[in-house]
Amino acid sequence: MGLDEALLRSACAGAVTLRLYTWDSPWLSLGYGQKADPLRVERCRAAGVGLIRRATGGAAVLHGSDLTYAVAAPADELPPGLVGTYRLVSSALVEALQAAGVDARRSDGWPRAGAPGCPFDCFTQPAAEEICAGPLPNRKLVGSAQRRLGGAVLQHGSIRLAPDPPSAVLAAGLSHRAATSLAELGCSTDINEIASQLAHALAEDLRLPLALDEASPAEREYARARMRSHSSDPLAPPAPLAPLPSRGLLAGR
C-alpha cells in the first residue's frame, strides 16, 4: 500500500495509473482515521494477521482472499466530487465483473464509511456506489475508499475472490454478514480476466490510452520508505505527501 501512496504522489504531477495486486497472507487495513483497539491488535498479531493503516479513509478491510485495485489520477481527469469519482470507477468495476460472468450492480446505500454510525467492518454494509452481487440483496462484493490530495485522487478497494479464513475474521473482530465473494457466487476467480476487463473499461471511461508499465525508481523508493516506517509503527498514519515526477498516462501494473 506504500506503492499506492506513491501513485497518488505521481498523480499530483499528472500521472494516471491503475494498479492491481494480491496479498500473500491475511492483512487487516484500517482506514486513515480509524481507532486501533489494543485488544484487536493483540488478537491479530497472535493469529498471524498483519496490520496496516491505509492512506485512504473508510472502514477496516481484511485482505488476503481478494484482488486489490488502486486508481490514482489528477482530479481534473475525473468527474467532479467524491461521488462522481466513485461512480466512474464503480461503473468500470461493474462492467468488468459482468463481462466475467458476475451478476454485479452498484449499491445506492448510504452513508459512506466515516459518517456517524458507520460500522468498523467495511463489509458490514454497502455504501453508495459500491458493488453488490448475487441473488440476495445488499451482498457486498467490492469495498472502496478514497483520498484526495494536492489536486489528485487515489481510490483503492478490495474485490473479494473467496471467503476469508474464519480464524482471521475472528481475530480481526469482523462479521462480514453482508459480504459475498466470487467463489461463493459460483463464479470464476480468474484474476487475469477480471484485471484485463477492468483495465480496458477504465481506460475507455477515462478516454486514455492503456499501456503496461512498472513503478518508477522514485515510486519504488517511496514505497520502500513506507515499508521501513511501517515496520516501526504499522498503525501510524502516512507522512504528508509531496508530488513525484510525472510518469505518463494510464498504466496497468
C-alpha atoms as a PDB file:
ATOM      1  CA  MET A   1       0.000   0.000   0.000  1.00  0.00           C
ATOM      2  CA  GLY A   2       3.020   2.257   0.216  1.00  0.00           C
ATOM      3  CA  LEU A   3       3.165   1.985  -3.570  1.00  0.00           C
ATOM      4  CA  ASP A   4      -0.465   3.141  -3.753  1.00  0.00           C
ATOM      5  CA  GLU A   5       0.603   6.253  -1.831  1.00  0.00           C
ATOM      6  CA  ALA A   6       3.475   6.747  -4.279  1.00  0.00           C
ATOM      7  CA  LEU A   7       0.990   6.572  -7.164  1.00  0.00           C
ATOM      8  CA  LEU A   8      -1.047   9.337  -5.510  1.00  0.00           C
ATOM      9  CA  ARG A   9       2.131  11.441  -5.364  1.00  0.00           C
ATOM     10  CA  SER A  10       2.724  10.771  -9.074  1.00  0.00           C
ATOM     11  CA  ALA A  11      -0.903  11.695  -9.813  1.00  0.00           C
ATOM     12  CA  CYS A  12      -0.225  15.103  -8.247  1.00  0.00           C
ATOM     13  CA  ALA A  13       2.254  15.562 -11.089  1.00  0.00           C
ATOM     14  CA  GLY A  14      -0.132  14.341 -13.805  1.00  0.00           C
ATOM     15  CA  ALA A  15       0.181  10.529 -13.984  1.00  0.00           C
ATOM     16  CA  VAL A  16      -2.895   8.286 -14.305  1.00  0.00           C
ATOM     17  CA  THR A  17      -2.390   4.729 -13.070  1.00  0.00           C
ATOM     18  CA  LEU A  18      -4.357   1.554 -12.460  1.00  0.00           C
ATOM     19  CA  ARG A  19      -2.641  -0.981 -10.205  1.00  0.00           C
ATOM     20  CA  LEU A  20      -3.942  -4.459  -9.297  1.00  0.00           C
ATOM     21  CA  TYR A  21      -2.370  -6.743  -6.712  1.00  0.00           C
ATOM     22  CA  THR A  22      -2.937  -9.630  -4.300  1.00  0.00           C
ATOM     23  CA  TRP A  23      -1.698 -10.458  -0.797  1.00  0.00           C
ATOM     24  CA  ASP A  24       0.369 -13.444   0.373  1.00  0.00           C
ATOM     25  CA  SER A  25      -1.323 -13.714   3.799  1.00  0.00           C
ATOM     26  CA  PRO A  26      -4.160 -12.123   5.822  1.00  0.00           C
ATOM     27  CA  TRP A  27      -3.762  -8.396   6.493  1.00  0.00           C
ATOM     28  CA  LEU A  28      -6.181  -6.015   8.176  1.00  0.00           C
ATOM     29  CA  SER A  29      -6.041  -2.491   6.739  1.00  0.00           C
ATOM     30  CA  LEU A  30      -7.531   0.269   8.859  1.00  0.00           C
ATOM     31  CA  GLY A  31      -8.924   3.489   7.423  1.00  0.00           C
ATOM     32  CA  TYR A  32      -6.849   6.636   7.902  1.00  0.00           C
ATOM     33  CA  GLY A  33      -8.945   7.846  10.832  1.00  0.00           C
ATOM     34  CA  GLN A  34      -9.978   4.555  12.440  1.00  0.00           C
ATOM     35  CA  LYS A  35      -9.011   3.895  16.024  1.00  0.00           C
ATOM     36  CA  ALA A  36      -6.863   0.848  16.761  1.00  0.00           C
ATOM     37  CA  ASP A  37      -8.361  -1.149  19.622  1.00  0.00           C
ATOM     38  CA  PRO A  38      -5.373  -2.629  21.566  1.00  0.00           C
ATOM     39  CA  LEU A  39      -7.214  -5.923  22.119  1.00  0.00           C
ATOM     40  CA  ARG A  40      -7.968  -6.243  18.384  1.00  0.00           C
ATOM     41  CA  VAL A  41      -4.326  -5.508  17.580  1.00  0.00           C
ATOM     42  CA  GLU A  42      -3.182  -8.164  20.064  1.00  0.00           C
ATOM     43  CA  ARG A  43      -5.589 -10.778  18.673  1.00  0.00           C
ATOM     44  CA  CYS A  44      -4.484 -10.093  15.096  1.00  0.00           C
ATOM     45  CA  ARG A  45      -0.795 -10.404  15.940  1.00  0.00           C
ATOM     46  CA  ALA A  46      -1.394 -13.649  17.842  1.00  0.00           C
ATOM     47  CA  ALA A  47      -3.280 -15.090  14.844  1.00  0.00           C
ATOM     48  CA  GLY A  48      -0.679 -14.012  12.270  1.00  0.00           C
ATOM     49  CA  VAL A  49      -2.888 -11.298  10.758  1.00  0.00           C
ATOM     50  CA  GLY A  50      -0.824  -8.311   9.628  1.00  0.00           C
ATOM     51  CA  LEU A  51      -1.913  -4.754  10.412  1.00  0.00           C
ATOM     52  CA  ILE A  52      -1.559  -1.614   8.332  1.00  0.00           C
ATOM     53  CA  ARG A  53      -3.112   1.841   8.233  1.00  0.00           C
ATOM     54  CA  ARG A  54      -4.235   2.964   4.789  1.00  0.00           C
ATOM     55  CA  ALA A  55      -3.746   6.403   3.301  1.00  0.00           C
ATOM     56  CA  THR A  56      -7.463   6.371   2.428  1.00  0.00           C
ATOM     57  CA  GLY A  57     -10.419   6.704   4.775  1.00  0.00           C
ATOM     58  CA  GLY A  58     -13.249   4.276   5.290  1.00  0.00           C
ATOM     59  CA  ALA A  59     -13.678   1.169   7.407  1.00  0.00           C
ATOM     60  CA  ALA A  60     -11.456  -1.847   8.044  1.00  0.00           C
ATOM     61  CA  VAL A  61     -10.813  -4.400   5.281  1.00  0.00           C
ATOM     62  CA  LEU A  62      -9.399  -7.894   5.698  1.00  0.00           C
ATOM     63  CA  HIS A  63      -7.154  -8.657   2.727  1.00  0.00           C
ATOM     64  CA  GLY A  64      -5.655 -11.963   1.619  1.00  0.00           C
ATOM     65  CA  SER A  65      -8.522 -13.563  -0.281  1.00  0.00           C
ATOM     66  CA  ASP A  66      -9.080 -10.566  -2.532  1.00  0.00           C
ATOM     67  CA  LEU A  67      -7.841  -8.710  -5.585  1.00  0.00           C
ATOM     68  CA  THR A  68      -6.970  -5.145  -4.609  1.00  0.00           C
ATOM     69  CA  TYR A  69      -7.211  -2.344  -7.150  1.00  0.00           C
ATOM     70  CA  ALA A  70      -5.843   1.198  -6.982  1.00  0.00           C
ATOM     71  CA  VAL A  71      -6.680   4.090  -9.305  1.00  0.00           C
ATOM     72  CA  ALA A  72      -4.589   7.257  -8.990  1.00  0.00           C
ATOM     73  CA  ALA A  73      -5.234  10.279 -11.201  1.00  0.00           C
ATOM     74  CA  PRO A  74      -5.292  14.073 -11.281  1.00  0.00           C
ATOM     75  CA  ALA A  75      -8.708  15.251 -10.116  1.00  0.00           C
ATOM     76  CA  ASP A  76      -9.298  17.083 -13.392  1.00  0.00           C
ATOM     77  CA  GLU A  77      -9.118  13.751 -15.267  1.00  0.00           C
ATOM     78  CA  LEU A  78     -12.083  12.502 -13.199  1.00  0.00           C
ATOM     79  CA  PRO A  79     -15.706  13.596 -12.704  1.00  0.00           C
ATOM     80  CA  PRO A  80     -16.009  16.307 -10.033  1.00  0.00           C
ATOM     81  CA  GLY A  81     -16.584  15.376  -6.418  1.00  0.00           C
ATOM     82  CA  LEU A  82     -16.207  12.244  -4.330  1.00  0.00           C
ATOM     83  CA  VAL A  83     -19.416  10.618  -5.584  1.00  0.00           C
ATOM     84  CA  GLY A  84     -18.621  11.424  -9.214  1.00  0.00           C
ATOM     85  CA  THR A  85     -15.293   9.615  -8.987  1.00  0.00           C
ATOM     86  CA  TYR A  86     -16.839   6.673  -7.154  1.00  0.00           C
ATOM     87  CA  ARG A  87     -19.494   6.422  -9.865  1.00  0.00           C
ATOM     88  CA  LEU A  88     -16.938   6.349 -12.685  1.00  0.00           C
ATOM     89  CA  VAL A  89     -14.770   3.685 -11.030  1.00  0.00           C
ATOM     90  CA  SER A  90     -17.749   1.615  -9.895  1.00  0.00           C
ATOM     91  CA  SER A  91     -19.155   1.659 -13.438  1.00  0.00           C
ATOM     92  CA  ALA A  92     -15.859   0.250 -14.718  1.00  0.00           C
ATOM     93  CA  LEU A  93     -15.869  -2.372 -11.951  1.00  0.00           C
ATOM     94  CA  VAL A  94     -19.444  -3.437 -12.751  1.00  0.00           C
ATOM     95  CA  GLU A  95     -18.634  -3.639 -16.469  1.00  0.00           C
ATOM     96  CA  ALA A  96     -15.530  -5.751 -15.814  1.00  0.00           C
ATOM     97  CA  LEU A  97     -17.299  -8.108 -13.395  1.00  0.00           C
ATOM     98  CA  GLN A  98     -20.322  -8.528 -15.656  1.00  0.00           C
ATOM     99  CA  ALA A  99     -18.011  -9.333 -18.576  1.00  0.00           C
ATOM    100  CA  ALA A 100     -16.504 -12.060 -16.372  1.00  0.00           C
ATOM    101  CA  GLY A 101     -19.973 -13.510 -15.735  1.00  0.00           C
ATOM    102  CA  VAL A 102     -20.715 -11.895 -12.367  1.00  0.00           C
ATOM    103  CA  ASP A 103     -24.187 -10.544 -11.567  1.00  0.00           C
ATOM    104  CA  ALA A 104     -22.744  -7.256 -10.268  1.00  0.00           C
ATOM    105  CA  ARG A 105     -24.571  -3.989  -9.599  1.00  0.00           C
ATOM    106  CA  ARG A 106     -23.942  -0.645  -7.917  1.00  0.00           C
ATOM    107  CA  SER A 107     -25.390  -0.030  -4.473  1.00  0.00           C
ATOM    108  CA  ASP A 108     -27.471   3.027  -3.691  1.00  0.00           C
ATOM    109  CA  GLY A 109     -26.749   2.655   0.028  1.00  0.00           C
ATOM    110  CA  TRP A 110     -25.615   5.441   2.347  1.00  0.00           C
ATOM    111  CA  PRO A 111     -23.878   6.686   4.477  1.00  0.00           C
ATOM    112  CA  ARG A 112     -20.347   6.183   3.300  1.00  0.00           C
ATOM    113  CA  ALA A 113     -17.829   4.867   5.826  1.00  0.00           C
ATOM    114  CA  GLY A 114     -16.645   7.519   8.241  1.00  0.00           C
ATOM    115  CA  ALA A 115     -20.070   9.088   8.770  1.00  0.00           C
ATOM    116  CA  PRO A 116     -21.722   8.846  12.195  1.00  0.00           C
ATOM    117  CA  GLY A 117     -22.965   5.352  12.944  1.00  0.00           C
ATOM    118  CA  CYS A 118     -20.805   3.624  10.330  1.00  0.00           C
ATOM    119  CA  PRO A 119     -19.502   0.180  11.347  1.00  0.00           C
ATOM    120  CA  PHE A 120     -15.885  -0.798  11.904  1.00  0.00           C
ATOM    121  CA  ASP A 121     -16.064  -3.503   9.188  1.00  0.00           C
ATOM    122  CA  CYS A 122     -16.141  -2.251   5.571  1.00  0.00           C
ATOM    123  CA  PHE A 123     -18.150  -5.298   4.506  1.00  0.00           C
ATOM    124  CA  THR A 124     -20.903  -4.941   7.108  1.00  0.00           C
ATOM    125  CA  GLN A 125     -22.960  -2.835   4.690  1.00  0.00           C
ATOM    126  CA  PRO A 126     -22.580  -1.381   1.189  1.00  0.00           C
ATOM    127  CA  ALA A 127     -22.121   2.364   0.852  1.00  0.00           C
ATOM    128  CA  ALA A 128     -23.193   4.410  -2.148  1.00  0.00           C
ATOM    129  CA  GLU A 129     -21.662   3.347  -5.477  1.00  0.00           C
ATOM    130  CA  GLU A 130     -20.059   0.212  -4.009  1.00  0.00           C
ATOM    131  CA  ILE A 131     -20.590  -3.124  -5.707  1.00  0.00           C
ATOM    132  CA  CYS A 132     -23.037  -5.837  -4.678  1.00  0.00           C
ATOM    133  CA  ALA A 133     -23.647  -9.151  -6.421  1.00  0.00           C
ATOM    134  CA  GLY A 134     -25.755 -12.294  -6.342  1.00  0.00           C
ATOM    135  CA  PRO A 135     -29.436 -13.068  -5.830  1.00  0.00           C
ATOM    136  CA  LEU A 136     -29.557 -11.792  -2.242  1.00  0.00           C
ATOM    137  CA  PRO A 137     -29.873  -8.011  -1.763  1.00  0.00           C
ATOM    138  CA  ASN A 138     -27.026  -5.889  -0.381  1.00  0.00           C
ATOM    139  CA  ARG A 139     -24.382  -8.644  -0.540  1.00  0.00           C
ATOM    140  CA  LYS A 140     -21.237  -6.564  -0.907  1.00  0.00           C
ATOM    141  CA  LEU A 141     -18.554  -7.831  -3.293  1.00  0.00           C
ATOM    142  CA  VAL A 142     -16.289  -4.776  -3.607  1.00  0.00           C
ATOM    143  CA  GLY A 143     -15.430  -2.207  -0.944  1.00  0.00           C
ATOM    144  CA  SER A 144     -13.638   1.035  -1.829  1.00  0.00           C
ATOM    145  CA  ALA A 145     -12.072   4.069  -0.164  1.00  0.00           C
ATOM    146  CA  GLN A 146     -10.674   7.363  -1.398  1.00  0.00           C
ATOM    147  CA  ARG A 147      -8.047  10.027  -0.638  1.00  0.00           C
ATOM    148  CA  ARG A 148      -7.752  13.473  -2.241  1.00  0.00           C
ATOM    149  CA  LEU A 149      -4.539  15.459  -2.054  1.00  0.00           C
ATOM    150  CA  GLY A 150      -2.861  18.238  -3.992  1.00  0.00           C
ATOM    151  CA  GLY A 151      -5.310  18.123  -6.885  1.00  0.00           C
ATOM    152  CA  ALA A 152      -5.070  14.322  -7.195  1.00  0.00           C
ATOM    153  CA  VAL A 153      -7.226  11.354  -6.197  1.00  0.00           C
ATOM    154  CA  LEU A 154      -6.407   7.844  -5.001  1.00  0.00           C
ATOM    155  CA  GLN A 155      -9.233   5.328  -4.911  1.00  0.00           C
ATOM    156  CA  HIS A 156      -8.470   1.763  -3.995  1.00  0.00           C
ATOM    157  CA  GLY A 157     -10.589  -1.163  -2.979  1.00  0.00           C
ATOM    158  CA  SER A 158     -10.977  -4.869  -2.386  1.00  0.00           C
ATOM    159  CA  ILE A 159     -12.629  -7.295  -4.835  1.00  0.00           C
ATOM    160  CA  ARG A 160     -13.430 -10.411  -2.787  1.00  0.00           C
ATOM    161  CA  LEU A 161     -12.352 -13.579  -4.593  1.00  0.00           C
ATOM    162  CA  ALA A 162     -13.112 -16.078  -1.798  1.00  0.00           C
ATOM    163  CA  PRO A 163     -14.252 -16.101   1.844  1.00  0.00           C
ATOM    164  CA  ASP A 164     -11.621 -15.021   4.340  1.00  0.00           C
ATOM    165  CA  PRO A 165     -10.221 -17.658   6.735  1.00  0.00           C
ATOM    166  CA  PRO A 166     -12.568 -17.871   9.763  1.00  0.00           C
ATOM    167  CA  SER A 167      -9.623 -17.612  12.165  1.00  0.00           C
ATOM    168  CA  ALA A 168      -8.522 -14.312  10.568  1.00  0.00           C
ATOM    169  CA  VAL A 169     -12.087 -12.932  10.581  1.00  0.00           C
ATOM    170  CA  LEU A 170     -12.448 -13.839  14.266  1.00  0.00           C
ATOM    171  CA  ALA A 171      -9.091 -12.315  15.226  1.00  0.00           C
ATOM    172  CA  ALA A 172      -9.914  -9.095  13.387  1.00  0.00           C
ATOM    173  CA  GLY A 173     -13.294  -8.902  15.100  1.00  0.00           C
ATOM    174  CA  LEU A 174     -15.232  -8.646  11.826  1.00  0.00           C
ATOM    175  CA  SER A 175     -18.630 -10.035  10.891  1.00  0.00           C
ATOM    176  CA  HIS A 176     -18.812  -9.952   7.061  1.00  0.00           C
ATOM    177  CA  ARG A 177     -22.510 -10.606   7.499  1.00  0.00           C
ATOM    178  CA  ALA A 178     -23.373  -8.691   4.333  1.00  0.00           C
ATOM    179  CA  ALA A 179     -20.363  -9.809   2.281  1.00  0.00           C
ATOM    180  CA  THR A 180     -20.066 -12.210  -0.624  1.00  0.00           C
ATOM    181  CA  SER A 181     -17.245 -13.367  -2.914  1.00  0.00           C
ATOM    182  CA  LEU A 182     -16.786 -14.690  -6.426  1.00  0.00           C
ATOM    183  CA  ALA A 183     -16.266 -18.202  -5.063  1.00  0.00           C
ATOM    184  CA  GLU A 184     -19.495 -18.031  -3.042  1.00  0.00           C
ATOM    185  CA  LEU A 185     -21.328 -16.844  -6.149  1.00  0.00           C
ATOM    186  CA  GLY A 186     -20.010 -19.819  -8.112  1.00  0.00           C
ATOM    187  CA  CYS A 187     -18.124 -17.511 -10.478  1.00  0.00           C
ATOM    188  CA  SER A 188     -14.675 -17.923 -11.953  1.00  0.00           C
ATOM    189  CA  THR A 189     -11.892 -16.313  -9.950  1.00  0.00           C
ATOM    190  CA  ASP A 190      -9.642 -15.799 -12.982  1.00  0.00           C
ATOM    191  CA  ILE A 191      -7.723 -12.756 -11.746  1.00  0.00           C
ATOM    192  CA  ASN A 192      -6.153 -12.068 -15.127  1.00  0.00           C
ATOM    193  CA  GLU A 193      -9.529 -11.914 -16.864  1.00  0.00           C
ATOM    194  CA  ILE A 194     -11.010  -9.541 -14.299  1.00  0.00           C
ATOM    195  CA  ALA A 195      -7.864  -7.374 -14.298  1.00  0.00           C
ATOM    196  CA  SER A 196      -7.868  -7.125 -18.097  1.00  0.00           C
ATOM    197  CA  GLN A 197     -11.568  -6.264 -18.243  1.00  0.00           C
ATOM    198  CA  LEU A 198     -11.185  -3.606 -15.539  1.00  0.00           C
ATOM    199  CA  ALA A 199      -8.148  -2.008 -17.204  1.00  0.00           C
ATOM    200  CA  HIS A 200      -9.907  -1.745 -20.555  1.00  0.00           C
ATOM    201  CA  ALA A 201     -13.186  -0.492 -19.047  1.00  0.00           C
ATOM    202  CA  LEU A 202     -11.406   2.208 -17.050  1.00  0.00           C
ATOM    203  CA  ALA A 203      -9.253   3.300 -19.990  1.00  0.00           C
ATOM    204  CA  GLU A 204     -12.374   3.621 -22.139  1.00  0.00           C
ATOM    205  CA  ASP A 205     -14.258   5.595 -19.471  1.00  0.00           C
ATOM    206  CA  LEU A 206     -11.298   7.968 -18.980  1.00  0.00           C
ATOM    207  CA  ARG A 207     -10.645   8.138 -22.739  1.00  0.00           C
ATOM    208  CA  LEU A 208      -6.970   7.474 -22.193  1.00  0.00           C
ATOM    209  CA  PRO A 209      -4.556   5.045 -23.869  1.00  0.00           C
ATOM    210  CA  LEU A 210      -3.692   1.899 -21.939  1.00  0.00           C
ATOM    211  CA  ALA A 211      -0.112   0.635 -21.650  1.00  0.00           C
ATOM    212  CA  LEU A 212       1.654  -1.726 -19.282  1.00  0.00           C
ATOM    213  CA  ASP A 213       4.228  -0.030 -17.096  1.00  0.00           C
ATOM    214  CA  GLU A 214       6.289  -0.531 -13.964  1.00  0.00           C
ATOM    215  CA  ALA A 215       6.838   1.612 -10.924  1.00  0.00           C
ATOM    216  CA  SER A 216       9.413   4.344 -11.402  1.00  0.00           C
ATOM    217  CA  PRO A 217      12.578   4.393  -9.243  1.00  0.00           C
ATOM    218  CA  ALA A 218      11.132   7.304  -7.233  1.00  0.00           C
ATOM    219  CA  GLU A 219       7.868   5.398  -6.646  1.00  0.00           C
ATOM    220  CA  ARG A 220       9.734   2.293  -5.543  1.00  0.00           C
ATOM    221  CA  GLU A 221      11.933   4.270  -3.170  1.00  0.00           C
ATOM    222  CA  TYR A 222       8.897   5.924  -1.618  1.00  0.00           C
ATOM    223  CA  ALA A 223       7.225   2.515  -1.164  1.00  0.00           C
ATOM    224  CA  ARG A 224      10.394   1.117   0.467  1.00  0.00           C
ATOM    225  CA  ALA A 225      10.486   4.107   2.831  1.00  0.00           C
ATOM    226  CA  ARG A 226       6.859   3.410   3.787  1.00  0.00           C
ATOM    227  CA  MET A 227       7.755  -0.236   4.455  1.00  0.00           C
ATOM    228  CA  ARG A 228      10.535   0.888   6.795  1.00  0.00           C
ATOM    229  CA  SER A 229       8.146   3.260   8.556  1.00  0.00           C
ATOM    230  CA  HIS A 230       5.510   0.515   8.780  1.00  0.00           C
ATOM    231  CA  SER A 231       7.936  -1.919  10.395  1.00  0.00           C
ATOM    232  CA  SER A 232       8.467   0.517  13.287  1.00  0.00           C
ATOM    233  CA  ASP A 233       4.792   1.510  13.685  1.00  0.00           C
ATOM    234  CA  PRO A 234       2.281  -0.259  11.397  1.00  0.00           C
ATOM    235  CA  LEU A 235      -0.667   1.844  12.550  1.00  0.00           C
ATOM    236  CA  ALA A 236       0.937   5.266  12.169  1.00  0.00           C
ATOM    237  CA  PRO A 237      -0.718   7.454   9.506  1.00  0.00           C
ATOM    238  CA  PRO A 238       1.265   8.213   6.342  1.00  0.00           C
ATOM    239  CA  ALA A 239       3.528  11.245   6.376  1.00  0.00           C
ATOM    240  CA  PRO A 240       2.493  14.327   4.359  1.00  0.00           C
ATOM    241  CA  LEU A 241       2.818  13.623   0.642  1.00  0.00           C
ATOM    242  CA  ALA A 242       4.616  15.698  -1.983  1.00  0.00           C
ATOM    243  CA  PRO A 243       4.373  15.206  -5.775  1.00  0.00           C
ATOM    244  CA  LEU A 244       6.678  12.821  -7.625  1.00  0.00           C
ATOM    245  CA  PRO A 245       7.801  13.484 -11.205  1.00  0.00           C
ATOM    246  CA  SER A 246       5.089  12.653 -13.741  1.00  0.00           C
ATOM    247  CA  ARG A 247       5.433   9.211 -15.330  1.00  0.00           C
ATOM    248  CA  GLY A 248       2.831   9.037 -18.086  1.00  0.00           C
ATOM    249  CA  LEU A 249      -0.776   8.180 -18.889  1.00  0.00           C
ATOM    250  CA  LEU A 250      -2.956   5.245 -17.863  1.00  0.00           C
ATOM    251  CA  ALA A 251      -0.738   2.330 -16.894  1.00  0.00           C
ATOM    252  CA  GLY A 252      -1.877  -1.068 -15.654  1.00  0.00           C
ATOM    253  CA  ARG A 253       0.608  -2.736 -13.343  1.00  0.00           C
END
